[in-house]
PDB file of N, CA and C in Angstrom:
ATOM      1  N   MET A   1       0.807  -1.201   0.000  1.00  0.00           N
ATOM      2  CA  MET A   1       0.000   0.000   0.000  1.00  0.00           C
ATOM      3  C   MET A   1       0.851   1.267   0.000  1.00  0.00           C
ATOM      4  N   ILE A   2       1.980   1.233   0.709  1.00  0.00           N
ATOM      5  CA  ILE A   2       2.757   2.466   0.849  1.00  0.00           C
ATOM      6  C   ILE A   2       3.637   2.759  -0.365  1.00  0.00           C
ATOM      7  N   TYR A   3       3.748   1.832  -1.288  1.00  0.00           N
ATOM      8  CA  TYR A   3       4.610   2.039  -2.446  1.00  0.00           C
ATOM      9  C   TYR A   3       3.842   2.431  -3.703  1.00  0.00           C
ATOM     10  N   THR A   4       2.672   2.964  -3.545  1.00  0.00           N
ATOM     11  CA  THR A   4       1.882   3.395  -4.692  1.00  0.00           C
ATOM     12  C   THR A   4       2.367   4.753  -5.186  1.00  0.00           C
ATOM     13  N   GLU A   5       1.858   5.162  -6.332  1.00  0.00           N
ATOM     14  CA  GLU A   5       2.273   6.431  -6.936  1.00  0.00           C
ATOM     15  C   GLU A   5       1.395   7.603  -6.511  1.00  0.00           C
ATOM     16  N   THR A   6       0.132   7.323  -6.167  1.00  0.00           N
ATOM     17  CA  THR A   6      -0.790   8.405  -5.815  1.00  0.00           C
ATOM     18  C   THR A   6      -1.556   8.067  -4.543  1.00  0.00           C
ATOM     19  N   ALA A   7      -2.099   9.106  -3.919  1.00  0.00           N
ATOM     20  CA  ALA A   7      -2.889   8.911  -2.701  1.00  0.00           C
ATOM     21  C   ALA A   7      -4.164   8.128  -3.008  1.00  0.00           C
ATOM     22  N   LYS A   8      -4.720   8.355  -4.176  1.00  0.00           N
ATOM     23  CA  LYS A   8      -5.945   7.652  -4.587  1.00  0.00           C
ATOM     24  C   LYS A   8      -5.676   6.144  -4.726  1.00  0.00           C
ATOM     25  N   GLU A   9      -4.541   5.806  -5.311  1.00  0.00           N
ATOM     26  CA  GLU A   9      -4.161   4.397  -5.463  1.00  0.00           C
ATOM     27  C   GLU A   9      -3.910   3.756  -4.094  1.00  0.00           C
ATOM     28  N   THR A  10      -3.293   4.505  -3.187  1.00  0.00           N
ATOM     29  CA  THR A  10      -3.060   4.002  -1.829  1.00  0.00           C
ATOM     30  C   THR A  10      -4.385   3.683  -1.157  1.00  0.00           C
ATOM     31  N   GLU A  11      -5.332   4.586  -1.261  1.00  0.00           N
ATOM     32  CA  GLU A  11      -6.645   4.377  -0.644  1.00  0.00           C
ATOM     33  C   GLU A  11      -7.359   3.176  -1.277  1.00  0.00           C
ATOM     34  N   GLY A  12      -7.221   3.003  -2.587  1.00  0.00           N
ATOM     35  CA  GLY A  12      -7.828   1.853  -3.256  1.00  0.00           C
ATOM     36  C   GLY A  12      -7.253   0.538  -2.752  1.00  0.00           C
ATOM     37  N   ARG A  13      -5.945   0.476  -2.639  1.00  0.00           N
ATOM     38  CA  ARG A  13      -5.303  -0.750  -2.138  1.00  0.00           C
ATOM     39  C   ARG A  13      -5.663  -1.008  -0.673  1.00  0.00           C
ATOM     40  N   ARG A  14      -5.817   0.057   0.065  1.00  0.00           N
ATOM     41  CA  ARG A  14      -6.217  -0.083   1.472  1.00  0.00           C
ATOM     42  C   ARG A  14      -7.609  -0.719   1.571  1.00  0.00           C
ATOM     43  N   LYS A  15      -8.527  -0.275   0.726  1.00  0.00           N
ATOM     44  CA  LYS A  15      -9.889  -0.833   0.730  1.00  0.00           C
ATOM     45  C   LYS A  15      -9.886  -2.307   0.336  1.00  0.00           C
ATOM     46  N   VAL A  16      -9.087  -2.647  -0.664  1.00  0.00           N
ATOM     47  CA  VAL A  16      -8.973  -4.048  -1.088  1.00  0.00           C
ATOM     48  C   VAL A  16      -8.417  -4.898   0.062  1.00  0.00           C
ATOM     49  N   PHE A  17      -7.388  -4.398   0.710  1.00  0.00           N
ATOM     50  CA  PHE A  17      -6.788  -5.102   1.846  1.00  0.00           C
ATOM     51  C   PHE A  17      -7.824  -5.314   2.954  1.00  0.00           C
ATOM     52  N   LEU A  18      -8.578  -4.273   3.266  1.00  0.00           N
ATOM     53  CA  LEU A  18      -9.591  -4.374   4.325  1.00  0.00           C
ATOM     54  C   LEU A  18     -10.659  -5.415   3.987  1.00  0.00           C
ATOM     55  N   ARG A  19     -11.116  -5.423   2.731  1.00  0.00           N
ATOM     56  CA  ARG A  19     -12.132  -6.415   2.325  1.00  0.00           C
ATOM     57  C   ARG A  19     -11.609  -7.829   2.495  1.00  0.00           C
ATOM     58  N   LYS A  20     -10.368  -8.066   2.088  1.00  0.00           N
ATOM     59  CA  LYS A  20      -9.784  -9.402   2.164  1.00  0.00           C
ATOM     60  C   LYS A  20      -9.564  -9.824   3.619  1.00  0.00           C
ATOM     61  N   TRP A  21      -8.948  -8.967   4.415  1.00  0.00           N
ATOM     62  CA  TRP A  21      -8.557  -9.354   5.762  1.00  0.00           C
ATOM     63  C   TRP A  21      -9.680  -9.267   6.789  1.00  0.00           C
ATOM     64  N   ARG A  22     -10.742  -8.556   6.476  1.00  0.00           N
ATOM     65  CA  ARG A  22     -11.890  -8.530   7.390  1.00  0.00           C
ATOM     66  C   ARG A  22     -12.468  -9.940   7.541  1.00  0.00           C
ATOM     67  N   LEU A  23     -12.422 -10.725   6.466  1.00  0.00           N
ATOM     68  CA  LEU A  23     -12.926 -12.096   6.496  1.00  0.00           C
ATOM     69  C   LEU A  23     -11.942 -13.050   7.172  1.00  0.00           C
ATOM     70  N   LYS A  24     -10.641 -12.857   6.918  1.00  0.00           N
ATOM     71  CA  LYS A  24      -9.632 -13.776   7.449  1.00  0.00           C
ATOM     72  C   LYS A  24      -9.246 -13.469   8.894  1.00  0.00           C
ATOM     73  N   CYS A  25      -9.085 -12.188   9.206  1.00  0.00           N
ATOM     74  CA  CYS A  25      -8.648 -11.786  10.548  1.00  0.00           C
ATOM     75  C   CYS A  25      -9.192 -10.391  10.837  1.00  0.00           C
ATOM     76  N   ARG A  26     -10.326 -10.347  11.477  1.00  0.00           N
ATOM     77  CA  ARG A  26     -11.023  -9.086  11.726  1.00  0.00           C
ATOM     78  C   ARG A  26     -10.161  -8.090  12.518  1.00  0.00           C
ATOM     79  N   ALA A  27      -9.333  -8.588  13.455  1.00  0.00           N
ATOM     80  CA  ALA A  27      -8.502  -7.697  14.277  1.00  0.00           C
ATOM     81  C   ALA A  27      -7.511  -6.894  13.423  1.00  0.00           C
ATOM     82  N   VAL A  28      -6.971  -7.527  12.380  1.00  0.00           N
ATOM     83  CA  VAL A  28      -6.038  -6.842  11.485  1.00  0.00           C
ATOM     84  C   VAL A  28      -6.757  -5.708  10.760  1.00  0.00           C
ATOM     85  N   ALA A  29      -7.930  -5.995  10.236  1.00  0.00           N
ATOM     86  CA  ALA A  29      -8.704  -4.986   9.517  1.00  0.00           C
ATOM     87  C   ALA A  29      -9.129  -3.856  10.454  1.00  0.00           C
ATOM     88  N   ASP A  30      -9.552  -4.199  11.646  1.00  0.00           N
ATOM     89  CA  ASP A  30      -9.964  -3.177  12.617  1.00  0.00           C
ATOM     90  C   ASP A  30      -8.800  -2.259  12.981  1.00  0.00           C
ATOM     91  N   SER A  31      -7.622  -2.846  13.147  1.00  0.00           N
ATOM     92  CA  SER A  31      -6.439  -2.063  13.493  1.00  0.00           C
ATOM     93  C   SER A  31      -6.089  -1.082  12.377  1.00  0.00           C
ATOM     94  N   LEU A  32      -6.138  -1.556  11.137  1.00  0.00           N
ATOM     95  CA  LEU A  32      -5.830  -0.677  10.001  1.00  0.00           C
ATOM     96  C   LEU A  32      -6.873   0.424   9.873  1.00  0.00           C
ATOM     97  N   GLU A  33      -8.132   0.097  10.098  1.00  0.00           N
ATOM     98  CA  GLU A  33      -9.177   1.119  10.028  1.00  0.00           C
ATOM     99  C   GLU A  33      -8.998   2.160  11.123  1.00  0.00           C
ATOM    100  N   GLU A  34      -8.624   1.711  12.297  1.00  0.00           N
ATOM    101  CA  GLU A  34      -8.476   2.612  13.448  1.00  0.00           C
ATOM    102  C   GLU A  34      -7.318   3.592  13.258  1.00  0.00           C
ATOM    103  N   ASP A  35      -6.177   3.096  12.801  1.00  0.00           N
ATOM    104  CA  ASP A  35      -4.983   3.927  12.693  1.00  0.00           C
ATOM    105  C   ASP A  35      -4.592   4.271  11.268  1.00  0.00           C
ATOM    106  N   GLY A  36      -5.443   3.958  10.316  1.00  0.00           N
ATOM    107  CA  GLY A  36      -5.110   4.163   8.911  1.00  0.00           C
ATOM    108  C   GLY A  36      -4.777   5.589   8.547  1.00  0.00           C
ATOM    109  N   GLU A  37      -5.498   6.552   9.105  1.00  0.00           N
ATOM    110  CA  GLU A  37      -5.235   7.957   8.768  1.00  0.00           C
ATOM    111  C   GLU A  37      -3.816   8.362   9.184  1.00  0.00           C
ATOM    112  N   ALA A  38      -3.391   7.914  10.346  1.00  0.00           N
ATOM    113  CA  ALA A  38      -2.037   8.245  10.810  1.00  0.00           C
ATOM    114  C   ALA A  38      -0.980   7.498  10.002  1.00  0.00           C
ATOM    115  N   LEU A  39      -1.255   6.239   9.654  1.00  0.00           N
ATOM    116  CA  LEU A  39      -0.288   5.442   8.895  1.00  0.00           C
ATOM    117  C   LEU A  39      -0.030   6.002   7.500  1.00  0.00           C
ATOM    118  N   PHE A  40      -1.062   6.584   6.915  1.00  0.00           N
ATOM    119  CA  PHE A  40      -0.946   7.081   5.537  1.00  0.00           C
ATOM    120  C   PHE A  40      -0.894   8.593   5.474  1.00  0.00           C
ATOM    121  N   ALA A  41      -0.490   9.248   6.560  1.00  0.00           N
ATOM    122  CA  ALA A  41      -0.395  10.707   6.597  1.00  0.00           C
ATOM    123  C   ALA A  41       0.590  11.235   5.557  1.00  0.00           C
ATOM    124  N   PHE A  42       1.609  10.435   5.230  1.00  0.00           N
ATOM    125  CA  PHE A  42       2.609  10.880   4.249  1.00  0.00           C
ATOM    126  C   PHE A  42       1.990  11.156   2.889  1.00  0.00           C
ATOM    127  N   THR A  43       0.819  10.584   2.583  1.00  0.00           N
ATOM    128  CA  THR A  43       0.197  10.796   1.274  1.00  0.00           C
ATOM    129  C   THR A  43      -0.330  12.219   1.103  1.00  0.00           C
ATOM    130  N   ARG A  44      -0.375  12.988   2.174  1.00  0.00           N
ATOM    131  CA  ARG A  44      -0.815  14.381   2.083  1.00  0.00           C
ATOM    132  C   ARG A  44       0.316  15.306   1.645  1.00  0.00           C
ATOM    133  N   LEU A  45       1.544  14.788   1.661  1.00  0.00           N
ATOM    134  CA  LEU A  45       2.711  15.554   1.224  1.00  0.00           C
ATOM    135  C   LEU A  45       2.879  15.406  -0.283  1.00  0.00           C
ATOM    136  N   PRO A  46       3.688  16.274  -0.914  1.00  0.00           N
ATOM    137  CA  PRO A  46       4.003  16.066  -2.332  1.00  0.00           C
ATOM    138  C   PRO A  46       4.643  14.682  -2.511  1.00  0.00           C
ATOM    139  N   SER A  47       4.313  13.993  -3.580  1.00  0.00           N
ATOM    140  CA  SER A  47       4.768  12.610  -3.774  1.00  0.00           C
ATOM    141  C   SER A  47       6.294  12.477  -3.790  1.00  0.00           C
ATOM    142  N   SER A  48       7.009  13.534  -4.136  1.00  0.00           N
ATOM    143  CA  SER A  48       8.472  13.461  -4.135  1.00  0.00           C
ATOM    144  C   SER A  48       9.041  13.304  -2.724  1.00  0.00           C
ATOM    145  N   GLN A  49       8.251  13.617  -1.702  1.00  0.00           N
ATOM    146  CA  GLN A  49       8.708  13.509  -0.312  1.00  0.00           C
ATOM    147  C   GLN A  49       8.262  12.217   0.357  1.00  0.00           C
ATOM    148  N   TRP A  50       7.471  11.409  -0.314  1.00  0.00           N
ATOM    149  CA  TRP A  50       6.887  10.227   0.318  1.00  0.00           C
ATOM    150  C   TRP A  50       7.922   9.279   0.904  1.00  0.00           C
ATOM    151  N   LYS A  51       8.965   8.963   0.157  1.00  0.00           N
ATOM    152  CA  LYS A  51       9.944   7.989   0.642  1.00  0.00           C
ATOM    153  C   LYS A  51      10.591   8.465   1.940  1.00  0.00           C
ATOM    154  N   SER A  52      10.983   9.717   1.997  1.00  0.00           N
ATOM    155  CA  SER A  52      11.607  10.250   3.204  1.00  0.00           C
ATOM    156  C   SER A  52      10.637  10.297   4.369  1.00  0.00           C
ATOM    157  N   ALA A  53       9.368  10.521   4.087  1.00  0.00           N
ATOM    158  CA  ALA A  53       8.368  10.644   5.161  1.00  0.00           C
ATOM    159  C   ALA A  53       7.897   9.293   5.690  1.00  0.00           C
ATOM    160  N   ARG A  54       7.896   8.263   4.857  1.00  0.00           N
ATOM    161  CA  ARG A  54       7.309   6.988   5.297  1.00  0.00           C
ATOM    162  C   ARG A  54       8.308   6.043   5.954  1.00  0.00           C
ATOM    163  N   ILE A  55       9.595   6.301   5.818  1.00  0.00           N
ATOM    164  CA  ILE A  55      10.576   5.429   6.467  1.00  0.00           C
ATOM    165  C   ILE A  55      11.339   6.223   7.521  1.00  0.00           C
ATOM    166  N   THR A  56      11.805   5.524   8.534  1.00  0.00           N
ATOM    167  CA  THR A  56      12.494   6.192   9.641  1.00  0.00           C
ATOM    168  C   THR A  56      13.912   5.677   9.832  1.00  0.00           C
ATOM    169  N   ASN A  57      14.472   5.025   8.837  1.00  0.00           N
ATOM    170  CA  ASN A  57      15.808   4.451   8.975  1.00  0.00           C
ATOM    171  C   ASN A  57      16.850   5.481   9.402  1.00  0.00           C
ATOM    172  N   ALA A  58      16.836   6.648   8.776  1.00  0.00           N
ATOM    173  CA  ALA A  58      17.834   7.675   9.100  1.00  0.00           C
ATOM    174  C   ALA A  58      17.658   8.149  10.540  1.00  0.00           C
ATOM    175  N   ILE A  59      16.437   8.332  10.961  1.00  0.00           N
ATOM    176  CA  ILE A  59      16.166   8.786  12.332  1.00  0.00           C
ATOM    177  C   ILE A  59      16.586   7.720  13.332  1.00  0.00           C
ATOM    178  N   GLU A  60      16.242   6.462  13.056  1.00  0.00           N
ATOM    179  CA  GLU A  60      16.603   5.376  13.961  1.00  0.00           C
ATOM    180  C   GLU A  60      18.122   5.218  14.062  1.00  0.00           C
ATOM    181  N   ARG A  61      18.804   5.316  12.955  1.00  0.00           N
ATOM    182  CA  ARG A  61      20.267   5.206  12.947  1.00  0.00           C
ATOM    183  C   ARG A  61      20.891   6.324  13.763  1.00  0.00           C
ATOM    184  N   LEU A  62      20.395   7.536  13.557  1.00  0.00           N
ATOM    185  CA  LEU A  62      20.897   8.687  14.293  1.00  0.00           C
ATOM    186  C   LEU A  62      20.636   8.528  15.792  1.00  0.00           C
ATOM    187  N   HIS A  63      19.449   8.079  16.144  1.00  0.00           N
ATOM    188  CA  HIS A  63      19.089   7.877  17.543  1.00  0.00           C
ATOM    189  C   HIS A  63      20.015   6.853  18.203  1.00  0.00           C
ATOM    190  N   GLU A  64      20.264   5.741  17.529  1.00  0.00           N
ATOM    191  CA  GLU A  64      21.148   4.709  18.074  1.00  0.00           C
ATOM    192  C   GLU A  64      22.573   5.235  18.273  1.00  0.00           C
ATOM    193  N   GLU A  65      23.060   6.008  17.312  1.00  0.00           N
ATOM    194  CA  GLU A  65      24.413   6.557  17.428  1.00  0.00           C
ATOM    195  C   GLU A  65      24.501   7.543  18.589  1.00  0.00           C
ATOM    196  N   LEU A  66      23.513   8.395  18.734  1.00  0.00           N
ATOM    197  CA  LEU A  66      23.523   9.347  19.847  1.00  0.00           C
ATOM    198  C   LEU A  66      23.411   8.621  21.189  1.00  0.00           C
ATOM    199  N   LYS A  67      22.577   7.585  21.253  1.00  0.00           N
ATOM    200  CA  LYS A  67      22.456   6.797  22.486  1.00  0.00           C
ATOM    201  C   LYS A  67      23.802   6.178  22.853  1.00  0.00           C
ATOM    202  N   ARG A  68      24.494   5.663  21.859  1.00  0.00           N
ATOM    203  CA  ARG A  68      25.797   5.038  22.089  1.00  0.00           C
ATOM    204  C   ARG A  68      26.792   6.062  22.630  1.00  0.00           C
ATOM    205  N   ARG A  69      26.784   7.263  22.065  1.00  0.00           N
ATOM    206  CA  ARG A  69      27.720   8.315  22.500  1.00  0.00           C
ATOM    207  C   ARG A  69      27.363   8.839  23.891  1.00  0.00           C
ATOM    208  N   ILE A  70      26.083   9.006  24.164  1.00  0.00           N
ATOM    209  CA  ILE A  70      25.640   9.554  25.443  1.00  0.00           C
ATOM    210  C   ILE A  70      25.840   8.552  26.573  1.00  0.00           C
ATOM    211  N   LYS A  71      25.744   7.278  26.272  1.00  0.00           N
ATOM    212  CA  LYS A  71      25.872   6.228  27.287  1.00  0.00           C
ATOM    213  C   LYS A  71      27.189   6.355  28.062  1.00  0.00           C
ATOM    214  N   THR A  72      28.248   6.731  27.395  1.00  0.00           N
ATOM    215  CA  THR A  72      29.546   6.860  28.056  1.00  0.00           C
ATOM    216  C   THR A  72      29.624   8.097  28.951  1.00  0.00           C
ATOM    217  N   LYS A  73      28.750   9.061  28.711  1.00  0.00           N
ATOM    218  CA  LYS A  73      28.778  10.302  29.491  1.00  0.00           C
ATOM    219  C   LYS A  73      27.735  10.287  30.614  1.00  0.00           C
ATOM    220  N   THR A  74      26.906   9.297  30.667  1.00  0.00           N
ATOM    221  CA  THR A  74      25.811   9.078  31.627  1.00  0.00           C
ATOM    222  C   THR A  74      24.721  10.137  31.575  1.00  0.00           C
ATOM    223  N   VAL A  75      25.047  11.387  31.428  1.00  0.00           N
ATOM    224  CA  VAL A  75      24.011  12.419  31.362  1.00  0.00           C
ATOM    225  C   VAL A  75      24.568  13.642  30.623  1.00  0.00           C
ATOM    226  N   LEU A  76      23.713  14.303  29.924  1.00  0.00           N
ATOM    227  CA  LEU A  76      24.098  15.563  29.291  1.00  0.00           C
ATOM    228  C   LEU A  76      23.468  16.691  30.105  1.00  0.00           C
ATOM    229  N   PRO A  77      24.196  17.745  30.387  1.00  0.00           N
ATOM    230  CA  PRO A  77      23.675  18.792  31.258  1.00  0.00           C
ATOM    231  C   PRO A  77      22.476  19.571  30.715  1.00  0.00           C
ATOM    232  N   SER A  78      22.316  19.621  29.411  1.00  0.00           N
ATOM    233  CA  SER A  78      21.201  20.408  28.858  1.00  0.00           C
ATOM    234  C   SER A  78      20.885  19.968  27.432  1.00  0.00           C
ATOM    235  N   ALA A  79      19.766  20.471  26.935  1.00  0.00           N
ATOM    236  CA  ALA A  79      19.376  20.191  25.550  1.00  0.00           C
ATOM    237  C   ALA A  79      20.389  20.795  24.582  1.00  0.00           C
ATOM    238  N   GLU A  80      20.958  21.939  24.949  1.00  0.00           N
ATOM    239  CA  GLU A  80      21.959  22.573  24.090  1.00  0.00           C
ATOM    240  C   GLU A  80      23.188  21.677  23.931  1.00  0.00           C
ATOM    241  N   THR A  81      23.563  20.987  25.010  1.00  0.00           N
ATOM    242  CA  THR A  81      24.708  20.083  24.950  1.00  0.00           C
ATOM    243  C   THR A  81      24.432  18.927  23.996  1.00  0.00           C
ATOM    244  N   ALA A  82      23.212  18.397  24.049  1.00  0.00           N
ATOM    245  CA  ALA A  82      22.840  17.310  23.138  1.00  0.00           C
ATOM    246  C   ALA A  82      22.898  17.791  21.695  1.00  0.00           C
ATOM    247  N   ALA A  83      22.413  19.008  21.447  1.00  0.00           N
ATOM    248  CA  ALA A  83      22.451  19.565  20.088  1.00  0.00           C
ATOM    249  C   ALA A  83      23.900  19.765  19.633  1.00  0.00           C
ATOM    250  N   MET A  84      24.750  20.239  20.543  1.00  0.00           N
ATOM    251  CA  MET A  84      26.172  20.427  20.199  1.00  0.00           C
ATOM    252  C   MET A  84      26.827  19.099  19.857  1.00  0.00           C
ATOM    253  N   LEU A  85      26.507  18.052  20.620  1.00  0.00           N
ATOM    254  CA  LEU A  85      27.053  16.721  20.339  1.00  0.00           C
ATOM    255  C   LEU A  85      26.604  16.243  18.958  1.00  0.00           C
ATOM    256  N   PHE A  86      25.321  16.397  18.665  1.00  0.00           N
ATOM    257  CA  PHE A  86      24.780  15.993  17.367  1.00  0.00           C
ATOM    258  C   PHE A  86      25.515  16.701  16.230  1.00  0.00           C
ATOM    259  N   TRP A  87      25.612  18.029  16.303  1.00  0.00           N
ATOM    260  CA  TRP A  87      26.243  18.784  15.227  1.00  0.00           C
ATOM    261  C   TRP A  87      27.735  18.489  15.122  1.00  0.00           C
ATOM    262  N   ALA A  88      28.393  18.243  16.252  1.00  0.00           N
ATOM    263  CA  ALA A  88      29.818  17.902  16.212  1.00  0.00           C
ATOM    264  C   ALA A  88      30.028  16.563  15.504  1.00  0.00           C
ATOM    265  N   LEU A  89      29.178  15.575  15.810  1.00  0.00           N
ATOM    266  CA  LEU A  89      29.280  14.273  15.156  1.00  0.00           C
ATOM    267  C   LEU A  89      28.987  14.385  13.663  1.00  0.00           C
ATOM    268  N   LEU A  90      28.003  15.199  13.319  1.00  0.00           N
ATOM    269  CA  LEU A  90      27.634  15.395  11.922  1.00  0.00           C
ATOM    270  C   LEU A  90      28.766  16.109  11.167  1.00  0.00           C
ATOM    271  N   ALA A  91      29.312  17.181  11.756  1.00  0.00           N
ATOM    272  CA  ALA A  91      30.362  17.964  11.107  1.00  0.00           C
ATOM    273  C   ALA A  91      31.648  17.162  10.937  1.00  0.00           C
ATOM    274  N   SER A  92      31.935  16.292  11.892  1.00  0.00           N
ATOM    275  CA  SER A  92      33.174  15.507  11.813  1.00  0.00           C
ATOM    276  C   SER A  92      33.047  14.310  10.869  1.00  0.00           C
ATOM    277  N   GLY A  93      31.841  14.035  10.415  1.00  0.00           N
ATOM    278  CA  GLY A  93      31.640  12.911   9.507  1.00  0.00           C
ATOM    279  C   GLY A  93      31.493  11.580  10.216  1.00  0.00           C
ATOM    280  N   GLN A  94      31.411  11.588  11.558  1.00  0.00           N
ATOM    281  CA  GLN A  94      31.253  10.338  12.301  1.00  0.00           C
ATOM    282  C   GLN A  94      29.849   9.767  12.152  1.00  0.00           C
ATOM    283  N   ILE A  95      28.895  10.635  11.863  1.00  0.00           N
ATOM    284  CA  ILE A  95      27.552  10.178  11.503  1.00  0.00           C
ATOM    285  C   ILE A  95      27.148  10.932  10.246  1.00  0.00           C
ATOM    286  N   SER A  96      26.266  10.350   9.476  1.00  0.00           N
ATOM    287  CA  SER A  96      25.792  11.034   8.276  1.00  0.00           C
ATOM    288  C   SER A  96      24.310  10.777   8.122  1.00  0.00           C
ATOM    289  N   MET A  97      23.665  11.705   7.485  1.00  0.00           N
ATOM    290  CA  MET A  97      22.233  11.556   7.222  1.00  0.00           C
ATOM    291  C   MET A  97      22.056  11.547   5.713  1.00  0.00           C
ATOM    292  N   ARG A  98      21.184  10.665   5.246  1.00  0.00           N
ATOM    293  CA  ARG A  98      20.968  10.622   3.808  1.00  0.00           C
ATOM    294  C   ARG A  98      20.174  11.857   3.376  1.00  0.00           C
ATOM    295  N   LYS A  99      20.292  12.188   2.141  1.00  0.00           N
ATOM    296  CA  LYS A  99      19.601  13.343   1.595  1.00  0.00           C
ATOM    297  C   LYS A  99      18.093  13.122   1.667  1.00  0.00           C
ATOM    298  N   VAL A 100      17.384  14.141   2.043  1.00  0.00           N
ATOM    299  CA  VAL A 100      15.928  14.070   2.089  1.00  0.00           C
ATOM    300  C   VAL A 100      15.401  14.108   0.665  1.00  0.00           C
ATOM    301  N   GLY A 101      14.642  13.084   0.291  1.00  0.00           N
ATOM    302  CA  GLY A 101      14.050  13.062  -1.032  1.00  0.00           C
ATOM    303  C   GLY A 101      12.994  14.145  -1.159  1.00  0.00           C
ATOM    304  N   GLY A 102      12.917  14.757  -2.291  1.00  0.00           N
ATOM    305  CA  GLY A 102      11.902  15.777  -2.521  1.00  0.00           C
ATOM    306  C   GLY A 102      12.206  17.097  -1.850  1.00  0.00           C
ATOM    307  N   TRP A 103      13.470  17.374  -1.588  1.00  0.00           N
ATOM    308  CA  TRP A 103      13.833  18.597  -0.860  1.00  0.00           C
ATOM    309  C   TRP A 103      13.406  19.861  -1.582  1.00  0.00           C
ATOM    310  N   LYS A 104      13.277  19.791  -2.902  1.00  0.00           N
ATOM    311  CA  LYS A 104      12.864  20.982  -3.659  1.00  0.00           C
ATOM    312  C   LYS A 104      11.406  21.345  -3.389  1.00  0.00           C
ATOM    313  N   THR A 105      10.628  20.385  -2.903  1.00  0.00           N
ATOM    314  CA  THR A 105       9.212  20.648  -2.641  1.00  0.00           C
ATOM    315  C   THR A 105       8.900  20.836  -1.153  1.00  0.00           C
ATOM    316  N   LEU A 106       9.934  20.975  -0.325  1.00  0.00           N
ATOM    317  CA  LEU A 106       9.704  21.126   1.112  1.00  0.00           C
ATOM    318  C   LEU A 106       8.882  22.371   1.446  1.00  0.00           C
ATOM    319  N   GLY A 107       8.926  23.377   0.598  1.00  0.00           N
ATOM    320  CA  GLY A 107       8.166  24.605   0.845  1.00  0.00           C
ATOM    321  C   GLY A 107       6.687  24.496   0.525  1.00  0.00           C
ATOM    322  N   GLN A 108       6.303  23.438  -0.171  1.00  0.00           N
ATOM    323  CA  GLN A 108       4.889  23.282  -0.520  1.00  0.00           C
ATOM    324  C   GLN A 108       4.091  22.834   0.693  1.00  0.00           C
ATOM    325  N   PRO A 109       2.901  23.409   0.880  1.00  0.00           N
ATOM    326  CA  PRO A 109       2.075  22.968   2.018  1.00  0.00           C
ATOM    327  C   PRO A 109       1.492  21.582   1.753  1.00  0.00           C
ATOM    328  N   PRO A 110       1.207  20.826   2.824  1.00  0.00           N
ATOM    329  CA  PRO A 110       0.563  19.523   2.653  1.00  0.00           C
ATOM    330  C   PRO A 110      -0.852  19.692   2.093  1.00  0.00           C
ATOM    331  N   ALA A 111      -1.465  18.591   1.728  1.00  0.00           N
ATOM    332  CA  ALA A 111      -2.843  18.610   1.223  1.00  0.00           C
ATOM    333  C   ALA A 111      -3.773  19.186   2.282  1.00  0.00           C
ATOM    334  N   LYS A 112      -5.010  19.409   1.912  1.00  0.00           N
ATOM    335  CA  LYS A 112      -5.991  20.116   2.733  1.00  0.00           C
ATOM    336  C   LYS A 112      -6.076  19.643   4.183  1.00  0.00           C
ATOM    337  N   SER A 113      -6.171  18.342   4.414  1.00  0.00           N
ATOM    338  CA  SER A 113      -6.320  17.867   5.801  1.00  0.00           C
ATOM    339  C   SER A 113      -4.988  17.964   6.528  1.00  0.00           C
ATOM    340  N   SER A 114      -5.059  18.178   7.821  1.00  0.00           N
ATOM    341  CA  SER A 114      -3.839  18.370   8.607  1.00  0.00           C
ATOM    342  C   SER A 114      -3.143  17.049   8.874  1.00  0.00           C
ATOM    343  N   ILE A 115      -1.862  17.126   9.158  1.00  0.00           N
ATOM    344  CA  ILE A 115      -1.048  15.952   9.458  1.00  0.00           C
ATOM    345  C   ILE A 115      -0.829  15.904  10.964  1.00  0.00           C
ATOM    346  N   ASP A 116      -1.067  14.743  11.553  1.00  0.00           N
ATOM    347  CA  ASP A 116      -0.865  14.553  12.986  1.00  0.00           C
ATOM    348  C   ASP A 116       0.610  14.282  13.224  1.00  0.00           C
ATOM    349  N   LEU A 117       1.330  15.289  13.706  1.00  0.00           N
ATOM    350  CA  LEU A 117       2.777  15.148  13.892  1.00  0.00           C
ATOM    351  C   LEU A 117       3.103  14.191  15.040  1.00  0.00           C
ATOM    352  N   ALA A 118       2.169  13.968  15.938  1.00  0.00           N
ATOM    353  CA  ALA A 118       2.416  13.052  17.054  1.00  0.00           C
ATOM    354  C   ALA A 118       2.398  11.612  16.588  1.00  0.00           C
ATOM    355  N   ALA A 119       1.812  11.333  15.436  1.00  0.00           N
ATOM    356  CA  ALA A 119       1.744   9.969  14.922  1.00  0.00           C
ATOM    357  C   ALA A 119       3.101   9.575  14.486  1.00  0.00           C
TER     358      ALA A 119
END
């Protein structure tokens, strides 16, 4: 469902999935219906940004690296210190972040409905 080209196609595949799995395993279908809007929030963005929005590999990798570095220091005195550590690691090349896909369209607003950032 998440690898479609358009939001309309994503919604179509979602409906097909729900019809099939409602018969086989109602709990799976209920779960997708309950959280479907949050799961497919990336479809409200320009399609060039979908890949960067739907996967969290870069964020997870960064989080693990920062956890590893902070573990040796036991505690950081402030949020500013954590930010300094992040930027120092990034500037030194010890960690890297992949390029955000669709960066040219970052200025475009999302589609009409709002995106739940807490999701």
